[in-house]
Amino acid sequence: MINYPSLGDLMEKATTQEACLAEEYMLIKRVRQVSLLWAIRPYCEELSDQVSGCA
């Protein structure tokens, strides 16, 4: 006899996978934001120097 998983087990597994995917997506999104900030940092520092020179 084949032992099939219950609907509850399948739902729990799907929910767990969904939560993991959502967490992974948010982590990737955050890493991209930080990478972008590091990429534009020199330009921001240059602008900051220019603005402080105007004061």
PDB file of N, CA and C in Angstrom:
ATOM      1  N   MET A   1       0.844  -1.193   0.000  1.00  0.00           N
ATOM      2  CA  MET A   1       0.000   0.000   0.000  1.00  0.00           C
ATOM      3  C   MET A   1       0.885   1.251   0.000  1.00  0.00           C
ATOM      4  N   ILE A   2       0.528   2.210  -0.821  1.00  0.00           N
ATOM      5  CA  ILE A   2       1.286   3.458  -0.915  1.00  0.00           C
ATOM      6  C   ILE A   2       0.791   4.417   0.157  1.00  0.00           C
ATOM      7  N   ASN A   3       1.728   5.023   0.861  1.00  0.00           N
ATOM      8  CA  ASN A   3       1.376   5.963   1.925  1.00  0.00           C
ATOM      9  C   ASN A   3       1.495   7.388   1.377  1.00  0.00           C
ATOM     10  N   TYR A   4       0.374   7.982   1.018  1.00  0.00           N
ATOM     11  CA  TYR A   4       0.349   9.347   0.485  1.00  0.00           C
ATOM     12  C   TYR A   4       0.363  10.356   1.625  1.00  0.00           C
ATOM     13  N   PRO A   5       1.038  11.493   1.435  1.00  0.00           N
ATOM     14  CA  PRO A   5       1.006  12.524   2.483  1.00  0.00           C
ATOM     15  C   PRO A   5      -0.396  13.120   2.592  1.00  0.00           C
ATOM     16  N   SER A   6      -0.720  13.563   3.783  1.00  0.00           N
ATOM     17  CA  SER A   6      -2.037  14.170   3.988  1.00  0.00           C
ATOM     18  C   SER A   6      -2.047  15.574   3.392  1.00  0.00           C
ATOM     19  N   LEU A   7      -3.225  16.095   3.184  1.00  0.00           N
ATOM     20  CA  LEU A   7      -3.362  17.450   2.655  1.00  0.00           C
ATOM     21  C   LEU A   7      -2.714  18.453   3.610  1.00  0.00           C
ATOM     22  N   GLY A   8      -2.887  18.224   4.905  1.00  0.00           N
ATOM     23  CA  GLY A   8      -2.280  19.100   5.910  1.00  0.00           C
ATOM     24  C   GLY A   8      -0.765  19.127   5.794  1.00  0.00           C
ATOM     25  N   ASP A   9      -0.162  17.937   5.590  1.00  0.00           N
ATOM     26  CA  ASP A   9       1.295  17.860   5.424  1.00  0.00           C
ATOM     27  C   ASP A   9       1.746  18.612   4.176  1.00  0.00           C
ATOM     28  N   LEU A  10       1.000  18.441   3.097  1.00  0.00           N
ATOM     29  CA  LEU A  10       1.337  19.132   1.851  1.00  0.00           C
ATOM     30  C   LEU A  10       1.214  20.643   2.004  1.00  0.00           C
ATOM     31  N   MET A  11       0.158  21.088   2.685  1.00  0.00           N
ATOM     32  CA  MET A  11      -0.051  22.528   2.887  1.00  0.00           C
ATOM     33  C   MET A  11       1.065  23.115   3.750  1.00  0.00           C
ATOM     34  N   GLU A  12       1.447  22.376   4.791  1.00  0.00           N
ATOM     35  CA  GLU A  12       2.509  22.854   5.680  1.00  0.00           C
ATOM     36  C   GLU A  12       3.828  22.971   4.915  1.00  0.00           C
ATOM     37  N   LYS A  13       4.119  21.973   4.093  1.00  0.00           N
ATOM     38  CA  LYS A  13       5.354  21.995   3.306  1.00  0.00           C
ATOM     39  C   LYS A  13       5.337  23.161   2.316  1.00  0.00           C
ATOM     40  N   ALA A  14       4.206  23.371   1.663  1.00  0.00           N
ATOM     41  CA  ALA A  14       4.090  24.466   0.697  1.00  0.00           C
ATOM     42  C   ALA A  14       4.262  25.812   1.391  1.00  0.00           C
ATOM     43  N   THR A  15       3.651  25.960   2.568  1.00  0.00           N
ATOM     44  CA  THR A  15       3.747  27.215   3.318  1.00  0.00           C
ATOM     45  C   THR A  15       5.190  27.471   3.745  1.00  0.00           C
ATOM     46  N   THR A  16       5.872  26.423   4.183  1.00  0.00           N
ATOM     47  CA  THR A  16       7.267  26.558   4.594  1.00  0.00           C
ATOM     48  C   THR A  16       8.139  26.961   3.409  1.00  0.00           C
ATOM     49  N   GLN A  17       7.923  26.314   2.266  1.00  0.00           N
ATOM     50  CA  GLN A  17       8.706  26.655   1.075  1.00  0.00           C
ATOM     51  C   GLN A  17       8.417  28.087   0.635  1.00  0.00           C
ATOM     52  N   GLU A  18       7.153  28.479   0.716  1.00  0.00           N
ATOM     53  CA  GLU A  18       6.758  29.841   0.349  1.00  0.00           C
ATOM     54  C   GLU A  18       7.462  30.852   1.251  1.00  0.00           C
ATOM     55  N   ALA A  19       7.464  30.572   2.546  1.00  0.00           N
ATOM     56  CA  ALA A  19       8.108  31.473   3.508  1.00  0.00           C
ATOM     57  C   ALA A  19       9.608  31.564   3.236  1.00  0.00           C
ATOM     58  N   CYS A  20      10.223  30.435   2.918  1.00  0.00           N
ATOM     59  CA  CYS A  20      11.663  30.436   2.622  1.00  0.00           C
ATOM     60  C   CYS A  20      11.958  31.235   1.359  1.00  0.00           C
ATOM     61  N   LEU A  21      11.121  31.071   0.346  1.00  0.00           N
ATOM     62  CA  LEU A  21      11.314  31.821  -0.894  1.00  0.00           C
ATOM     63  C   LEU A  21      11.142  33.316  -0.664  1.00  0.00           C
ATOM     64  N   ALA A  22      10.144  33.679   0.127  1.00  0.00           N
ATOM     65  CA  ALA A  22       9.905  35.096   0.418  1.00  0.00           C
ATOM     66  C   ALA A  22      11.089  35.689   1.183  1.00  0.00           C
ATOM     67  N   GLU A  23      11.596  34.926   2.139  1.00  0.00           N
ATOM     68  CA  GLU A  23      12.741  35.394   2.929  1.00  0.00           C
ATOM     69  C   GLU A  23      13.978  35.541   2.037  1.00  0.00           C
ATOM     70  N   GLU A  24      14.182  34.567   1.157  1.00  0.00           N
ATOM     71  CA  GLU A  24      15.320  34.620   0.237  1.00  0.00           C
ATOM     72  C   GLU A  24      15.191  35.815  -0.707  1.00  0.00           C
ATOM     73  N   TYR A  25      13.985  36.070  -1.189  1.00  0.00           N
ATOM     74  CA  TYR A  25      13.746  37.205  -2.085  1.00  0.00           C
ATOM     75  C   TYR A  25      14.075  38.520  -1.379  1.00  0.00           C
ATOM     76  N   MET A  26      13.617  38.654  -0.128  1.00  0.00           N
ATOM     77  CA  MET A  26      13.869  39.887   0.618  1.00  0.00           C
ATOM     78  C   MET A  26      15.368  40.063   0.879  1.00  0.00           C
ATOM     79  N   LEU A  27      16.056  38.968   1.151  1.00  0.00           N
ATOM     80  CA  LEU A  27      17.498  39.034   1.383  1.00  0.00           C
ATOM     81  C   LEU A  27      18.225  39.480   0.116  1.00  0.00           C
ATOM     82  N   ILE A  28      17.845  38.899  -1.027  1.00  0.00           N
ATOM     83  CA  ILE A  28      18.457  39.284  -2.305  1.00  0.00           C
ATOM     84  C   ILE A  28      18.180  40.752  -2.601  1.00  0.00           C
ATOM     85  N   LYS A  29      16.944  41.181  -2.335  1.00  0.00           N
ATOM     86  CA  LYS A  29      16.567  42.573  -2.575  1.00  0.00           C
ATOM     87  C   LYS A  29      17.422  43.512  -1.717  1.00  0.00           C
ATOM     88  N   ARG A  30      17.623  43.145  -0.470  1.00  0.00           N
ATOM     89  CA  ARG A  30      18.422  43.967   0.445  1.00  0.00           C
ATOM     90  C   ARG A  30      19.883  44.029  -0.014  1.00  0.00           C
ATOM     91  N   VAL A  31      20.423  42.896  -0.440  1.00  0.00           N
ATOM     92  CA  VAL A  31      21.812  42.856  -0.916  1.00  0.00           C
ATOM     93  C   VAL A  31      21.967  43.760  -2.135  1.00  0.00           C
ATOM     94  N   ARG A  32      20.981  43.742  -3.018  1.00  0.00           N
ATOM     95  CA  ARG A  32      21.038  44.607  -4.200  1.00  0.00           C
ATOM     96  C   ARG A  32      21.000  46.075  -3.805  1.00  0.00           C
ATOM     97  N   GLN A  33      20.184  46.417  -2.799  1.00  0.00           N
ATOM     98  CA  GLN A  33      20.106  47.805  -2.344  1.00  0.00           C
ATOM     99  C   GLN A  33      21.452  48.254  -1.780  1.00  0.00           C
ATOM    100  N   VAL A  34      22.051  47.406  -0.963  1.00  0.00           N
ATOM    101  CA  VAL A  34      23.342  47.742  -0.361  1.00  0.00           C
ATOM    102  C   VAL A  34      24.412  47.860  -1.443  1.00  0.00           C
ATOM    103  N   SER A  35      24.378  46.948  -2.413  1.00  0.00           N
ATOM    104  CA  SER A  35      25.346  47.007  -3.517  1.00  0.00           C
ATOM    105  C   SER A  35      25.199  48.302  -4.299  1.00  0.00           C
ATOM    106  N   LEU A  36      23.969  48.707  -4.534  1.00  0.00           N
ATOM    107  CA  LEU A  36      23.719  49.954  -5.258  1.00  0.00           C
ATOM    108  C   LEU A  36      24.243  51.144  -4.463  1.00  0.00           C
ATOM    109  N   LEU A  37      24.005  51.138  -3.152  1.00  0.00           N
ATOM    110  CA  LEU A  37      24.498  52.235  -2.318  1.00  0.00           C
ATOM    111  C   LEU A  37      26.021  52.320  -2.365  1.00  0.00           C
ATOM    112  N   TRP A  38      26.690  51.162  -2.327  1.00  0.00           N
ATOM    113  CA  TRP A  38      28.152  51.165  -2.411  1.00  0.00           C
ATOM    114  C   TRP A  38      28.609  51.655  -3.775  1.00  0.00           C
ATOM    115  N   ALA A  39      27.839  51.336  -4.814  1.00  0.00           N
ATOM    116  CA  ALA A  39      28.213  51.742  -6.171  1.00  0.00           C
ATOM    117  C   ALA A  39      28.106  53.254  -6.356  1.00  0.00           C
ATOM    118  N   ILE A  40      27.097  53.874  -5.732  1.00  0.00           N
ATOM    119  CA  ILE A  40      26.900  55.319  -5.928  1.00  0.00           C
ATOM    120  C   ILE A  40      27.575  56.157  -4.843  1.00  0.00           C
ATOM    121  N   ARG A  41      28.179  55.517  -3.868  1.00  0.00           N
ATOM    122  CA  ARG A  41      28.796  56.231  -2.746  1.00  0.00           C
ATOM    123  C   ARG A  41      29.808  57.292  -3.187  1.00  0.00           C
ATOM    124  N   PRO A  42      30.720  56.975  -4.112  1.00  0.00           N
ATOM    125  CA  PRO A  42      31.691  58.012  -4.526  1.00  0.00           C
ATOM    126  C   PRO A  42      31.011  59.259  -5.092  1.00  0.00           C
ATOM    127  N   TYR A  43      29.934  59.059  -5.839  1.00  0.00           N
ATOM    128  CA  TYR A  43      29.216  60.205  -6.406  1.00  0.00           C
ATOM    129  C   TYR A  43      28.557  61.031  -5.309  1.00  0.00           C
ATOM    130  N   CYS A  44      28.017  60.344  -4.303  1.00  0.00           N
ATOM    131  CA  CYS A  44      27.380  61.056  -3.190  1.00  0.00           C
ATOM    132  C   CYS A  44      28.412  61.866  -2.408  1.00  0.00           C
ATOM    133  N   GLU A  45      29.589  61.276  -2.190  1.00  0.00           N
ATOM    134  CA  GLU A  45      30.640  61.993  -1.466  1.00  0.00           C
ATOM    135  C   GLU A  45      31.096  63.217  -2.256  1.00  0.00           C
ATOM    136  N   GLU A  46      31.197  63.055  -3.567  1.00  0.00           N
ATOM    137  CA  GLU A  46      31.606  64.175  -4.417  1.00  0.00           C
ATOM    138  C   GLU A  46      30.569  65.295  -4.357  1.00  0.00           C
ATOM    139  N   LEU A  47      29.303  64.935  -4.437  1.00  0.00           N
ATOM    140  CA  LEU A  47      28.236  65.937  -4.344  1.00  0.00           C
ATOM    141  C   LEU A  47      28.243  66.615  -2.985  1.00  0.00           C
ATOM    142  N   SER A  48      28.470  65.828  -1.945  1.00  0.00           N
ATOM    143  CA  SER A  48      28.508  66.374  -0.593  1.00  0.00           C
ATOM    144  C   SER A  48      29.631  67.407  -0.465  1.00  0.00           C
ATOM    145  N   ASP A  49      30.784  67.090  -1.035  1.00  0.00           N
ATOM    146  CA  ASP A  49      31.913  68.032  -1.000  1.00  0.00           C
ATOM    147  C   ASP A  49      31.579  69.314  -1.758  1.00  0.00           C
ATOM    148  N   GLN A  50      30.926  69.175  -2.896  1.00  0.00           N
ATOM    149  CA  GLN A  50      30.554  70.343  -3.696  1.00  0.00           C
ATOM    150  C   GLN A  50      29.548  71.213  -2.953  1.00  0.00           C
ATOM    151  N   VAL A  51      28.575  70.593  -2.314  1.00  0.00           N
ATOM    152  CA  VAL A  51      27.538  71.341  -1.595  1.00  0.00           C
ATOM    153  C   VAL A  51      28.134  72.033  -0.375  1.00  0.00           C
ATOM    154  N   SER A  52      29.014  71.346   0.350  1.00  0.00           N
ATOM    155  CA  SER A  52      29.608  71.974   1.535  1.00  0.00           C
ATOM    156  C   SER A  52      30.525  73.133   1.131  1.00  0.00           C
ATOM    157  N   GLY A  53      31.074  73.091  -0.059  1.00  0.00           N
ATOM    158  CA  GLY A  53      31.902  74.186  -0.548  1.00  0.00           C
ATOM    159  C   GLY A  53      31.090  75.418  -0.901  1.00  0.00           C
ATOM    160  N   CYS A  54      29.792  75.241  -1.119  1.00  0.00           N
ATOM    161  CA  CYS A  54      28.909  76.357  -1.477  1.00  0.00           C
ATOM    162  C   CYS A  54      28.450  77.136  -0.253  1.00  0.00           C
ATOM    163  N   ALA A  55      28.568  76.552   0.911  1.00  0.00           N
ATOM    164  CA  ALA A  55      28.018  77.184   2.116  1.00  0.00           C
ATOM    165  C   ALA A  55      28.829  78.378   2.547  1.00  0.00           C
TER     166      ALA A  55
END
